[in-house]
Amino acid sequence: MPKHGLLVRAGALFLLAAVVPAAAPGQGTGLTGGIILELPPGARALGLGGAYAAVVGDAGSVFVNPAGMAPIRRLAVDVSWERALLGTTFTTAAAAMRVGRFTFGAGAALLDFGGDSVIRVSDLDPDVGEATGELITAYQALAVGAVAYRRGMISLGASVKALREHIGYGAPTGWSATGAAGDIGAAIAVFDIMALGVVVQNLAGTIRTSDSERMPMPRTTRVGFTLNFIDPQGTARFMTTTDLVSPPGGDRYWAMGFEGGAVVSGMGATGRLGLSLGRRATDRRGIVYGGTLQVRSFRLDWSYQPYDHIGGASHRFGARWIL
């Protein structure tokens, strides 16, 4: 490979290495692929510290625990957008619709690492470079389809997901990887007071790369519990939710979230706080803050994620529509 090709490939990998460790709380380093699978799927999920296995009646469940879709009455939609490190953006969209005892859902997510110019090193002076007009680009994309069945307080769900990763580095063909996997989950919702949820994620998932390598997707088990201390049909709101997360590599940890506020005649505001206990060292270890403004069936969400070591923070914005 020419010298400039080596620099391009190294630059793309450096871009990924700089962003991914800060954005991946639970992955066993070097054991799995598909970092997008580790990210909380919406602004509310991020604000709750990623604890979402037992959050029910929300379209974001498509990505985490498909059984959580089942309590949706008619239709739910969830979209979010975040601008993170080095110009990286993370975008999600999910929708779920109830048909009889079944709820069908679909979701998509894009982790776009952005791009940078390809620099060719001068043959005369290795300290001098020249832009070639080509770009280094990288992204990960995820598509999910899910179904849930509910009978009484118990719901069962399953989903199928497809993953694509790509690094373009100025050559006619870049590096790419594809994979598919499934999730199986269950949930018990006791009216609006409490819920239990369990899900095994990324079953039978393997990523195959364009250079003939294979790596497993991060098979992860989540056991969650949600409790509303106050009846959410009233004015005041106060909820806590927690997940025991068991990712590959033995990095088991607790994710916890708290949500409270007031809603009067369908209009109000809630605040949110999320954290994790026992998680391996990453840059995203600080407490996450967030909130929601609600107008009838429409909700605007926001979450604030600080970075421990490099400084700064990222903001994630979202919107939900629940009927």
Foldseek 3Di string as FASTA:
>chain_A
DDPLLVVLVVVLVVLCVVPQLQAAFAAQPPAFDDSVLRHQAAQVCVLFQNQDQWQAQAQSCQSPALQRVQVFPAKKKKWKWKQDPPRWIKIKIKMWGDDVQKIKMKMKMKTWSDKDFRWDADPVDNVDTDTPPDIKTWMKMKIKIKMKGDDAQKMKMKMKMKMKIWIDRRDPGTKMKIKMFMKIKMKGDDDPFKMKIKMWPGHPIWIAMPVGDIHGHWTKIKIKMKGWPDRPVAFKTKMKMKIFMQTPPRQTKMKIKIKIWTADPFWTKMKMKIAIGSTPDGQQHDIKIKMWTTHHQKIKIKIWTFGRPPTDIMMMIMMMGGD
